[in-house]
Amino acid sequence: MLTGFGNHFASEAVPDALPVGRNSPQHVPFGLYAEQLSGTAFTAPRADNRRSWLYRLRPTAQHAAFTPSDAAPGWASAPFAGPPSPNRLRWNPLPIADGDFVSGLTTYAGNGDVATASGVAVHGYTATRSMIAALSNADGELLIVPQSGALTLVTEFGGFTVAPRQIALIPRGVRFRVEVDGPVRGYVAENYGAPFRLPDLGPIGSNGLANPRDFESPEAAFVDDDDATLLLHRFQGRLWTTTLGHSPFDVVAWHGNLAPWRYDLCRFNTIGSISFDHPDPSIFTVVTSPSDTPGTANADFVVFPPRWLVAEDTFRPPWFHRNAMSEFMGLIEGTYDAKAGGFAPGAASLHNAMSSHGPDAASYAAAVAADLRPHKLTDTMAFMVESRHVFRPTAAALASPALQPDYDSVWSDFPKARLP
């Protein structure tokens, strides 16, 4: 694995396969084909421009026409037709069903429109077997969050594993395959908007939150065979398929700043209060997809890892809250400090814009009675996908037996405040 994020990398599986200087791109070593993969417009500002050069055994244009595929019946895309709901929603963990990563995708909710490259969708996944086909997604990048069981991601850039407490990103258009060794479950954020990047730190300074050096991209590796391979391709909210006469993973060398990456959530450097008041959850942002409104994200990925809680005269769990942004949450392991029950690892919740939410009655009672000494949260790893756009839940998610019909009841037992 290569370290770093947003920088320029180079990797070759065969010595001298990468063109250098005047050898590029007309005279590519070994007769390899040069292909540029652009994740942003050519004219995007240099700091935001994402692209890599791939040097492969065959051009990716070498395939027959696509035809529609029904391999992912649970995978929905924006725009979402269902009406938005102001109700607080929560789902139990998805049961693990027999199938692969693609057939096991279940969409909870989403927003935006793939046609205008805006918004984000959130999915759950389960799988018991490896994919045989390869997959690419022209609609957006895929941020994969394992909750149970590790995945092996075989990509054009090389392969790597991603396990619970880690996340992985597959850029828009990159061909990949998910391999598993036993049952797995997790979450996927499908970002239709601007590519995820590190947030600016502002007054925090030059260190803290997710550090660039902790992001890893794979080293070049390639498969040289002429076996027929099914390729699934997501395009404008629909899945298509074609058959290649060879492996799609035939990149011998690559260089650039657009590549899959892996990040260990345990390396996130949390920043908190040592005096009073509860910092906003934005202080836990790992990566952000900016919108056209500065400071208002198309999508943020936020993590709540093990951490010290140190503050004077301050309520420690997340407080009662209404937010202009919409929040989708998942739990990777342990417990979440604002919920005493009902939110198990693998579960999910949705609080849309200005929907009142906060700790349940049991969590609140324990927090206000707690001795406010420094306390470390250890058995926890939760995350949130936050968006400026309201999430529209899918009809399937609303009809799912995993949806908890009594979620509102967690706030029903609060007594009225007593005035003097």
Protein backbone atom coordinates (compact mmCIF):
# COMPACT_ATOMS: atom_id res chain seq x y z
CA MET A 1 0.00 0.00 0.00
CA LEU A 2 1.13 3.54 -0.73
CA THR A 3 0.58 6.26 1.87
CA GLY A 4 -0.75 9.76 1.40
CA PHE A 5 -3.93 11.44 0.19
CA GLY A 6 -4.51 13.83 -2.69
CA ASN A 7 -0.88 13.73 -3.76
CA HIS A 8 0.76 12.33 -6.88
CA PHE A 9 1.69 8.67 -6.74
CA ALA A 10 3.36 6.21 -9.09
CA SER A 11 3.37 2.43 -8.97
CA GLU A 12 4.46 -0.29 -11.37
CA ALA A 13 4.06 -4.05 -11.20
CA VAL A 14 6.82 -4.61 -13.78
CA PRO A 15 10.11 -2.68 -13.61
CA ASP A 16 10.36 0.12 -16.18
CA ALA A 17 6.68 -0.15 -17.15
CA LEU A 18 5.99 3.46 -16.21
CA PRO A 19 6.83 5.89 -19.02
CA VAL A 20 9.27 8.59 -18.00
CA GLY A 21 9.95 11.88 -19.74
CA ARG A 22 10.11 11.61 -23.55
CA ASN A 23 8.95 7.98 -23.46
CA SER A 24 5.43 9.19 -22.64
CA PRO A 25 2.89 8.84 -24.06
CA GLN A 26 3.81 7.97 -27.69
CA HIS A 27 6.32 5.23 -26.93
CA VAL A 28 4.89 3.42 -23.92
CA PRO A 29 7.14 0.63 -22.64
CA PHE A 30 6.22 -2.92 -23.67
CA GLY A 31 3.50 -1.62 -26.02
CA LEU A 32 1.16 -0.84 -23.10
CA TYR A 33 -1.85 1.35 -23.77
CA ALA A 34 -1.97 4.74 -22.06
CA GLU A 35 -5.35 5.76 -20.65
CA GLN A 36 -6.21 8.80 -18.57
CA LEU A 37 -8.91 8.40 -15.92
CA SER A 38 -10.34 11.82 -15.05
CA GLY A 39 -12.35 12.15 -11.86
CA THR A 40 -12.91 15.89 -12.38
CA ALA A 41 -13.27 18.18 -15.37
CA PHE A 42 -10.03 18.85 -17.22
CA THR A 43 -10.23 22.53 -16.26
CA ALA A 44 -10.89 22.07 -12.55
CA PRO A 45 -8.53 24.15 -10.36
CA ARG A 46 -5.22 22.39 -9.86
CA ALA A 47 -5.84 21.84 -6.14
CA ASP A 48 -9.12 20.08 -6.93
CA ASN A 49 -8.15 18.27 -10.12
CA ARG A 50 -8.17 14.47 -9.89
CA ARG A 51 -6.73 12.25 -12.59
CA SER A 52 -4.44 9.28 -13.08
CA TRP A 53 -2.70 7.69 -16.04
CA LEU A 54 -3.13 3.92 -16.38
CA TYR A 55 -0.83 1.78 -18.52
CA ARG A 56 -2.62 -1.44 -19.41
CA LEU A 57 -2.48 -4.53 -21.61
CA ARG A 58 -5.61 -3.56 -23.57
CA PRO A 59 -7.69 -0.38 -23.94
CA THR A 60 -10.89 -0.32 -21.87
CA ALA A 61 -12.80 0.73 -24.99
CA GLN A 62 -12.52 -2.86 -26.19
CA HIS A 63 -15.99 -4.19 -25.32
CA ALA A 64 -19.40 -4.84 -26.88
CA ALA A 65 -22.52 -2.75 -26.28
CA PHE A 66 -24.05 -2.65 -22.80
CA THR A 67 -27.46 -4.18 -22.08
CA PRO A 68 -29.66 -3.63 -18.98
CA SER A 69 -29.03 -5.86 -15.97
CA ASP A 70 -31.20 -6.80 -12.98
CA ALA A 71 -28.30 -8.00 -10.83
CA ALA A 72 -28.89 -5.36 -8.12
CA PRO A 73 -32.64 -5.18 -7.38
CA GLY A 74 -32.11 -3.41 -4.05
CA TRP A 75 -29.81 -0.66 -5.35
CA ALA A 76 -31.80 2.55 -5.90
CA SER A 77 -30.50 5.85 -7.29
CA ALA A 78 -31.33 9.55 -7.24
CA PRO A 79 -33.65 11.19 -7.92
CA PHE A 80 -35.68 9.30 -5.33
CA ALA A 81 -39.40 9.29 -6.07
CA GLY A 82 -40.67 8.77 -2.55
CA PRO A 83 -41.85 11.73 -0.47
CA PRO A 84 -39.42 13.05 2.15
CA SER A 85 -40.43 12.40 5.74
CA PRO A 86 -39.91 14.55 8.84
CA ASN A 87 -40.21 11.43 11.02
CA ARG A 88 -37.23 10.02 12.87
CA LEU A 89 -36.45 6.59 11.39
CA ARG A 90 -34.34 3.73 12.69
CA TRP A 91 -33.59 0.28 11.30
CA ASN A 92 -32.33 -2.88 12.99
CA PRO A 93 -29.26 -4.50 11.41
CA LEU A 94 -29.93 -6.02 8.01
CA PRO A 95 -30.08 -9.84 8.10
CA ILE A 96 -27.26 -11.36 6.09
CA ALA A 97 -28.71 -12.84 2.91
CA ASP A 98 -27.04 -15.26 0.50
CA GLY A 99 -25.50 -13.38 -2.41
CA ASP A 100 -22.62 -11.15 -3.42
CA PHE A 101 -21.88 -7.48 -2.75
CA VAL A 102 -23.96 -6.17 -5.67
CA SER A 103 -27.04 -8.34 -5.12
CA GLY A 104 -26.81 -7.61 -1.38
CA LEU A 105 -27.03 -3.81 -1.68
CA THR A 106 -30.10 -2.31 -0.01
CA THR A 107 -30.73 1.43 -0.34
CA TYR A 108 -31.98 3.22 2.78
CA ALA A 109 -32.33 6.75 1.44
CA GLY A 110 -30.75 9.41 -0.71
CA ASN A 111 -31.02 12.84 -2.26
CA GLY A 112 -29.89 14.90 -5.23
CA ASP A 113 -29.87 13.70 -8.82
CA VAL A 114 -27.34 11.62 -10.73
CA ALA A 115 -28.15 13.70 -13.84
CA THR A 116 -26.82 16.85 -12.19
CA ALA A 117 -24.03 15.11 -10.22
CA SER A 118 -25.35 16.23 -6.84
CA GLY A 119 -26.38 14.52 -3.64
CA VAL A 120 -25.59 11.28 -1.88
CA ALA A 121 -27.27 7.91 -1.29
CA VAL A 122 -26.76 5.58 1.67
CA HIS A 123 -26.97 1.81 1.36
CA GLY A 124 -26.46 -1.25 3.47
CA TYR A 125 -24.78 -4.36 2.10
CA THR A 126 -24.57 -8.01 3.02
CA ALA A 127 -22.76 -10.81 1.21
CA THR A 128 -21.84 -14.45 1.68
CA ARG A 129 -19.84 -15.02 -1.50
CA SER A 130 -17.40 -13.19 -3.73
CA MET A 131 -18.36 -11.34 -6.89
CA ILE A 132 -17.62 -13.09 -10.16
CA ALA A 133 -18.34 -10.01 -12.25
CA ALA A 134 -16.51 -6.68 -12.08
CA LEU A 135 -18.34 -3.43 -11.31
CA SER A 136 -17.88 0.23 -12.22
CA ASN A 137 -20.05 3.19 -11.25
CA ALA A 138 -20.29 6.21 -13.54
CA ASP A 139 -22.77 7.93 -11.21
CA GLY A 140 -20.53 8.47 -8.19
CA GLU A 141 -17.76 7.31 -5.92
CA LEU A 142 -18.41 4.58 -3.34
CA LEU A 143 -17.32 4.97 0.29
CA ILE A 144 -17.43 1.49 1.82
CA VAL A 145 -17.78 1.07 5.59
CA PRO A 146 -17.45 -2.57 6.76
CA GLN A 147 -19.33 -3.45 9.93
CA SER A 148 -18.82 -7.23 10.14
CA GLY A 149 -16.25 -9.19 8.16
CA ALA A 150 -13.43 -8.04 5.91
CA LEU A 151 -13.60 -7.34 2.17
CA THR A 152 -10.90 -7.79 -0.44
CA LEU A 153 -11.21 -5.08 -3.08
CA VAL A 154 -9.63 -6.05 -6.39
CA THR A 155 -9.28 -2.88 -8.50
CA GLU A 156 -7.60 -1.67 -11.66
CA PHE A 157 -4.98 -0.01 -9.45
CA GLY A 158 -4.25 -3.15 -7.41
CA GLY A 159 -5.91 -5.01 -4.56
CA PHE A 160 -6.26 -4.46 -0.82
CA THR A 161 -8.36 -5.55 2.14
CA VAL A 162 -10.66 -3.38 4.22
CA ALA A 163 -12.01 -4.52 7.58
CA PRO A 164 -14.28 -3.11 10.31
CA ARG A 165 -12.83 0.10 11.79
CA GLN A 166 -11.48 0.90 8.32
CA ILE A 167 -13.14 2.58 5.34
CA ALA A 168 -12.34 2.40 1.62
CA LEU A 169 -13.16 4.60 -1.34
CA ILE A 170 -13.62 3.47 -4.94
CA PRO A 171 -13.49 6.52 -7.26
CA ARG A 172 -16.14 7.13 -9.88
CA GLY A 173 -15.67 4.87 -12.91
CA VAL A 174 -12.99 2.58 -11.45
CA ARG A 175 -13.56 -1.10 -12.16
CA PHE A 176 -13.42 -3.35 -9.12
CA ARG A 177 -14.57 -6.62 -7.58
CA VAL A 178 -15.49 -7.42 -3.97
CA GLU A 179 -14.25 -10.75 -2.63
CA VAL A 180 -15.25 -12.18 0.76
CA ASP A 181 -14.38 -15.16 2.91
CA GLY A 182 -17.60 -15.74 4.80
CA PRO A 183 -20.60 -13.54 5.69
CA VAL A 184 -20.09 -9.77 5.71
CA ARG A 185 -22.21 -6.70 6.40
CA GLY A 186 -21.67 -2.96 6.21
CA TYR A 187 -22.65 0.38 4.73
CA VAL A 188 -21.97 2.31 1.52
CA ALA A 189 -22.18 6.07 0.91
CA GLU A 190 -22.57 6.72 -2.82
CA ASN A 191 -21.42 10.27 -3.46
CA TYR A 192 -22.78 11.79 -6.67
CA GLY A 193 -21.22 15.21 -6.02
CA ALA A 194 -17.71 16.60 -5.81
CA PRO A 195 -15.12 13.98 -4.81
CA PHE A 196 -14.52 13.51 -1.11
CA ARG A 197 -11.55 15.50 0.18
CA LEU A 198 -10.04 16.38 3.53
CA PRO A 199 -11.81 19.28 5.24
CA ASP A 200 -9.99 22.53 5.90
CA LEU A 201 -8.82 22.79 9.51
CA GLY A 202 -9.19 26.53 10.03
CA PRO A 203 -8.40 27.54 13.62
CA ILE A 204 -7.47 23.96 14.49
CA GLY A 205 -4.21 24.54 12.66
CA SER A 206 -2.07 22.18 10.61
CA ASN A 207 -2.68 18.94 12.55
CA GLY A 208 -5.69 17.00 13.73
CA LEU A 209 -8.73 15.05 12.50
CA ALA A 210 -7.71 12.79 9.57
CA ASN A 211 -4.08 13.23 8.59
CA PRO A 212 -3.07 12.89 4.91
CA ARG A 213 -0.29 10.39 5.60
CA ASP A 214 -2.76 7.85 6.99
CA PHE A 215 -4.60 7.32 3.69
CA GLU A 216 -3.29 4.37 1.67
CA SER A 217 -3.63 3.52 -2.02
CA PRO A 218 -2.77 0.13 -3.57
CA GLU A 219 0.37 -0.84 -5.38
CA ALA A 220 0.04 -1.80 -9.03
CA ALA A 221 -0.84 -5.42 -9.77
CA PHE A 222 -2.35 -6.92 -12.89
CA VAL A 223 -4.12 -10.01 -14.21
CA ASP A 224 -3.13 -11.25 -17.66
CA ASP A 225 -5.73 -13.69 -18.96
CA ASP A 226 -8.17 -14.04 -21.84
CA ASP A 227 -11.07 -15.47 -19.84
CA ALA A 228 -14.46 -13.88 -20.44
CA THR A 229 -15.42 -11.48 -17.63
CA LEU A 230 -18.83 -9.98 -16.96
CA LEU A 231 -18.68 -6.21 -16.38
CA LEU A 232 -21.52 -4.46 -14.54
CA HIS A 233 -21.75 -0.72 -15.11
CA ARG A 234 -23.89 1.75 -13.16
CA PHE A 235 -25.03 4.61 -15.39
CA GLN A 236 -27.71 7.22 -14.64
CA GLY A 237 -29.37 5.14 -11.97
CA ARG A 238 -29.52 1.89 -13.89
CA LEU A 239 -27.29 -1.16 -13.97
CA TRP A 240 -25.93 -2.28 -17.35
CA THR A 241 -23.76 -5.20 -18.37
CA THR A 242 -21.37 -6.34 -21.08
CA THR A 243 -18.86 -9.15 -21.42
CA LEU A 244 -15.14 -8.51 -21.77
CA GLY A 245 -12.90 -11.01 -23.49
CA HIS A 246 -10.26 -10.58 -20.81
CA SER A 247 -9.70 -9.44 -17.24
CA PRO A 248 -10.47 -5.76 -16.56
CA PHE A 249 -7.62 -5.70 -14.03
CA ASP A 250 -4.79 -5.49 -16.56
CA VAL A 251 -3.13 -2.22 -15.46
CA VAL A 252 0.61 -2.82 -15.26
CA ALA A 253 1.52 0.66 -13.98
CA TRP A 254 -0.18 3.88 -12.96
CA HIS A 255 0.54 7.37 -11.70
CA GLY A 256 -1.61 10.27 -10.58
CA ASN A 257 -3.76 11.52 -7.70
CA LEU A 258 -6.99 9.64 -8.43
CA ALA A 259 -6.94 6.15 -6.93
CA PRO A 260 -8.80 3.94 -4.49
CA TRP A 261 -7.83 4.46 -0.89
CA ARG A 262 -8.14 2.92 2.57
CA TYR A 263 -8.23 4.74 5.90
CA ASP A 264 -8.01 3.34 9.42
CA LEU A 265 -10.65 5.10 11.56
CA CYS A 266 -8.58 4.38 14.68
CA ARG A 267 -6.01 6.88 13.38
CA PHE A 268 -8.52 9.74 13.49
CA ASN A 269 -7.19 12.44 15.83
CA THR A 270 -10.23 13.61 17.79
CA ILE A 271 -10.40 17.22 18.93
CA GLY A 272 -12.61 17.98 21.95
CA SER A 273 -13.32 20.46 24.69
CA ILE A 274 -11.27 20.65 27.89
CA SER A 275 -13.36 23.46 29.39
CA PHE A 276 -17.13 23.60 28.85
CA ASP A 277 -19.84 23.13 26.21
CA HIS A 278 -20.18 20.34 23.70
CA PRO A 279 -18.37 20.82 20.35
CA ASP A 280 -20.45 20.45 17.21
CA PRO A 281 -20.21 17.02 15.55
CA SER A 282 -18.53 18.63 12.53
CA ILE A 283 -15.34 18.41 14.60
CA PHE A 284 -15.38 14.68 13.75
CA THR A 285 -15.39 15.10 9.94
CA VAL A 286 -13.09 12.64 8.16
CA VAL A 287 -13.76 13.66 4.54
CA THR A 288 -16.14 16.10 2.90
CA SER A 289 -17.76 16.58 -0.50
CA PRO A 290 -18.20 20.36 -0.83
CA SER A 291 -21.20 21.98 -2.47
CA ASP A 292 -21.50 25.29 -4.32
CA THR A 293 -22.27 26.97 -0.97
CA PRO A 294 -19.07 27.41 1.09
CA GLY A 295 -19.24 25.65 4.43
CA THR A 296 -22.32 23.64 3.47
CA ALA A 297 -21.45 20.14 2.33
CA ASN A 298 -23.01 18.04 -0.35
CA ALA A 299 -21.95 15.21 1.97
CA ASP A 300 -19.74 14.83 5.03
CA PHE A 301 -18.48 11.53 6.43
CA VAL A 302 -18.14 11.88 10.20
CA VAL A 303 -16.82 9.31 12.70
CA PHE A 304 -17.39 8.98 16.46
CA PRO A 305 -14.46 6.80 17.61
CA PRO A 306 -13.15 5.83 21.06
CA ARG A 307 -12.09 9.09 22.75
CA TRP A 308 -11.67 10.95 25.99
CA LEU A 309 -14.54 13.11 27.25
CA VAL A 310 -13.04 15.93 29.26
CA ALA A 311 -15.07 19.05 30.05
CA GLU A 312 -16.31 21.01 33.05
CA ASP A 313 -20.02 21.30 33.89
CA THR A 314 -20.97 19.97 30.47
CA PHE A 315 -23.50 17.42 29.31
CA ARG A 316 -21.34 14.78 27.65
CA PRO A 317 -23.49 12.89 25.07
CA PRO A 318 -24.92 14.67 22.00
CA TRP A 319 -27.55 17.12 23.20
CA PHE A 320 -31.09 17.68 21.97
CA HIS A 321 -30.76 19.04 18.52
CA ARG A 322 -32.41 20.33 15.35
CA ASN A 323 -30.16 20.77 12.35
CA ALA A 324 -30.39 22.43 8.93
CA MET A 325 -28.38 19.47 7.63
CA SER A 326 -29.81 15.94 7.39
CA GLU A 327 -28.11 13.08 9.23
CA PHE A 328 -27.85 9.35 8.49
CA MET A 329 -26.07 7.32 11.18
CA GLY A 330 -24.66 3.82 11.44
CA LEU A 331 -22.93 1.86 14.20
CA ILE A 332 -19.88 -0.24 13.39
CA GLU A 333 -19.27 -1.71 16.84
CA GLY A 334 -20.03 -1.26 20.53
CA THR A 335 -22.61 1.25 21.71
CA TYR A 336 -23.45 4.86 20.88
CA ASP A 337 -23.29 7.19 23.88
CA ALA A 338 -26.62 8.90 23.13
CA LYS A 339 -28.64 5.69 22.93
CA ALA A 340 -29.03 3.18 25.75
CA GLY A 341 -30.59 0.54 23.49
CA GLY A 342 -32.17 -0.15 20.13
CA PHE A 343 -29.14 0.95 18.13
CA ALA A 344 -27.06 -2.19 17.66
CA PRO A 345 -23.99 -2.63 15.46
CA GLY A 346 -25.22 -2.79 11.87
CA ALA A 347 -28.24 -0.61 12.64
CA ALA A 348 -29.04 2.69 10.94
CA SER A 349 -31.00 5.86 11.73
CA LEU A 350 -32.17 8.90 9.78
CA HIS A 351 -32.88 12.38 11.17
CA ASN A 352 -33.85 14.76 8.39
CA ALA A 353 -33.48 18.53 8.46
CA MET A 354 -35.00 20.16 11.54
CA SER A 355 -36.24 16.83 12.93
CA SER A 356 -35.82 16.96 16.71
CA HIS A 357 -33.50 14.30 18.09
CA GLY A 358 -31.04 13.66 20.88
CA PRO A 359 -30.34 11.23 23.72
CA ASP A 360 -33.02 8.82 24.86
CA ALA A 361 -34.42 9.06 28.38
CA ALA A 362 -32.05 6.50 29.91
CA SER A 363 -28.94 8.08 28.36
CA TYR A 364 -30.06 11.55 29.47
CA ALA A 365 -30.73 10.44 33.06
CA ALA A 366 -27.34 8.75 33.32
CA ALA A 367 -25.53 11.76 31.83
CA VAL A 368 -27.01 14.42 34.11
CA ALA A 369 -26.26 12.26 37.17
CA ALA A 370 -22.70 11.38 36.13
CA ASP A 371 -19.66 12.47 38.09
CA LEU A 372 -17.93 14.81 35.62
CA ARG A 373 -14.47 13.38 35.81
CA PRO A 374 -12.42 12.64 32.67
CA HIS A 375 -13.96 9.59 31.07
CA LYS A 376 -12.84 7.56 28.07
CA LEU A 377 -15.33 6.04 25.67
CA THR A 378 -13.80 2.73 24.59
CA ASP A 379 -16.51 0.40 23.29
CA THR A 380 -17.78 2.47 20.38
CA MET A 381 -17.34 3.25 16.70
CA ALA A 382 -20.21 5.11 15.04
CA PHE A 383 -20.39 7.24 11.91
CA MET A 384 -22.65 9.77 10.23
CA VAL A 385 -23.26 10.79 6.63
CA GLU A 386 -24.50 14.38 6.74
CA SER A 387 -25.91 16.29 3.77
CA ARG A 388 -27.29 19.73 2.96
CA HIS A 389 -30.07 17.90 1.03
CA VAL A 390 -32.98 16.12 2.70
CA PHE A 391 -32.79 12.32 2.50
CA ARG A 392 -35.76 10.60 0.87
CA PRO A 393 -36.18 7.05 2.22
CA THR A 394 -36.89 4.36 -0.33
CA ALA A 395 -40.21 2.51 -0.37
CA ALA A 396 -38.30 -0.70 0.32
CA ALA A 397 -36.63 0.81 3.39
CA LEU A 398 -39.97 2.04 4.75
CA ALA A 399 -41.52 -1.39 4.19
CA SER A 400 -38.55 -3.31 5.58
CA PRO A 401 -39.16 -5.53 8.63
CA ALA A 402 -35.93 -4.03 9.98
CA LEU A 403 -37.63 -0.61 10.38
CA GLN A 404 -38.40 0.02 14.05
CA PRO A 405 -42.06 1.11 14.39
CA ASP A 406 -41.56 2.47 17.92
CA TYR A 407 -38.46 4.64 17.48
CA ASP A 408 -40.31 7.80 18.58
CA SER A 409 -40.98 6.19 21.96
CA VAL A 410 -37.36 6.62 23.08
CA TRP A 411 -38.23 10.26 23.82
CA SER A 412 -41.63 9.61 25.46
CA ASP A 413 -40.54 9.24 29.10
CA PHE A 414 -39.05 12.67 29.79
CA PRO A 415 -40.74 14.38 32.73
CA LYS A 416 -41.79 18.00 32.52
CA ALA A 417 -39.27 20.45 33.96
CA ARG A 418 -40.21 21.76 37.44
CA LEU A 419 -40.24 25.51 37.89
CA PRO A 420 -39.81 27.05 41.36
